[in-house]
Amino acid sequence: MFNAWFLLACDAAQLGFEAQTVIALRLARLATGGASARREVQRMVSEKAAAVVEAQIATIGAPATGQKSVRVAKKVLRIYKKRVRANRRRLSRR
């Protein structure tokens, strides 16, 4: 049990570092201003809302299926990790 939580904490730390990269890339995009920055802000807000809803759905269904809390936490982390990595790839291309 302890090992599973430790691995989850390591994954969360890695996600935090990746998120910092995305934040820096987004700030650079926003600093340029214009239509590109406006689209990025809109995308950022809508993606965050969608991720929260998806994470809540994953969390709500967990007790009904009898999943352990560490497994649910992994599932939620995976939701955010997928989005952060997609944003990093998209923002790094330009």
Protein backbone atom coordinates (compact mmCIF):
# COMPACT_ATOMS: atom_id res chain seq x y z
CA MET A 1 0.00 0.00 0.00
CA PHE A 2 2.75 2.45 0.95
CA ASN A 3 4.63 1.67 -2.24
CA ALA A 4 1.59 2.46 -4.40
CA TRP A 5 1.16 5.84 -2.73
CA PHE A 6 4.87 6.61 -3.07
CA LEU A 7 4.75 5.84 -6.79
CA LEU A 8 1.68 8.02 -7.12
CA ALA A 9 3.51 10.87 -5.40
CA CYS A 10 6.42 10.46 -7.82
CA ASP A 11 4.00 10.60 -10.76
CA ALA A 12 2.38 13.71 -9.30
CA ALA A 13 5.77 15.39 -8.93
CA GLN A 14 6.63 14.57 -12.53
CA LEU A 15 3.28 15.99 -13.63
CA GLY A 16 4.07 19.14 -11.68
CA PHE A 17 7.33 19.64 -13.57
CA GLU A 18 5.61 19.04 -16.90
CA ALA A 19 2.86 21.48 -15.96
CA GLN A 20 5.47 24.15 -15.21
CA THR A 21 6.79 23.73 -18.75
CA VAL A 22 3.30 24.15 -20.16
CA ILE A 23 2.77 27.24 -18.01
CA ALA A 24 5.98 28.79 -19.34
CA LEU A 25 5.04 27.99 -22.93
CA ARG A 26 1.57 29.43 -22.43
CA LEU A 27 2.92 32.59 -20.84
CA ALA A 28 5.19 33.07 -23.84
CA ARG A 29 2.19 32.65 -26.13
CA LEU A 30 0.11 35.10 -24.09
CA ALA A 31 2.92 37.65 -24.05
CA THR A 32 2.77 37.91 -27.83
CA GLY A 33 -0.85 39.06 -27.62
CA GLY A 34 -3.25 39.11 -30.52
CA ALA A 35 -5.66 36.48 -31.76
CA SER A 36 -3.30 33.63 -30.91
CA ALA A 37 -3.20 34.67 -27.27
CA ARG A 38 -6.97 35.05 -27.14
CA ARG A 39 -7.47 31.54 -28.55
CA GLU A 40 -4.98 30.15 -26.05
CA VAL A 41 -6.85 31.71 -23.12
CA GLN A 42 -10.16 30.32 -24.36
CA ARG A 43 -8.63 26.89 -24.91
CA MET A 44 -6.97 26.95 -21.50
CA VAL A 45 -10.21 27.70 -19.67
CA SER A 46 -12.30 25.18 -21.59
CA GLU A 47 -9.68 22.43 -21.21
CA LYS A 48 -9.47 22.97 -17.47
CA ALA A 49 -13.25 22.79 -17.11
CA ALA A 50 -13.41 19.59 -19.18
CA ALA A 51 -10.59 18.00 -17.17
CA VAL A 52 -12.31 18.78 -13.87
CA VAL A 53 -15.57 17.26 -15.08
CA GLU A 54 -13.80 14.14 -16.33
CA ALA A 55 -11.92 13.78 -13.04
CA GLN A 56 -15.13 14.18 -11.05
CA ILE A 57 -16.85 11.51 -13.10
CA ALA A 58 -13.95 9.14 -12.50
CA THR A 59 -14.07 9.89 -8.79
CA ILE A 60 -17.84 9.57 -8.39
CA GLY A 61 -17.98 6.17 -10.05
CA ALA A 62 -15.20 4.70 -7.93
CA PRO A 63 -17.08 3.84 -4.72
CA ALA A 64 -19.83 2.13 -6.69
CA THR A 65 -17.31 -0.24 -8.25
CA GLY A 66 -15.35 -0.75 -5.02
CA GLN A 67 -12.08 0.66 -6.34
CA LYS A 68 -9.31 1.46 -3.87
CA SER A 69 -8.47 5.09 -3.28
CA VAL A 70 -4.96 4.84 -4.73
CA ARG A 71 -6.38 3.43 -7.94
CA VAL A 72 -8.88 6.27 -8.20
CA ALA A 73 -6.11 8.81 -7.55
CA LYS A 74 -4.03 7.22 -10.32
CA LYS A 75 -6.96 7.46 -12.69
CA VAL A 76 -7.45 11.15 -11.93
CA LEU A 77 -3.74 11.84 -12.29
CA ARG A 78 -3.76 10.08 -15.66
CA ILE A 79 -6.55 12.41 -16.84
CA TYR A 80 -4.48 15.50 -16.09
CA LYS A 81 -1.24 13.96 -17.33
CA LYS A 82 -2.79 13.24 -20.72
CA ARG A 83 -3.88 16.84 -21.12
CA VAL A 84 -0.61 18.35 -19.91
CA ARG A 85 1.42 16.23 -22.32
CA ALA A 86 -0.84 17.09 -25.24
CA ASN A 87 -0.50 20.79 -24.44
CA ARG A 88 3.27 20.52 -24.13
CA ARG A 89 3.51 18.87 -27.55
CA ARG A 90 1.15 21.39 -29.15
CA LEU A 91 2.82 24.44 -27.64
CA SER A 92 6.36 23.22 -28.37
CA ARG A 93 5.70 22.79 -32.08
CA ARG A 94 5.32 26.48 -32.76
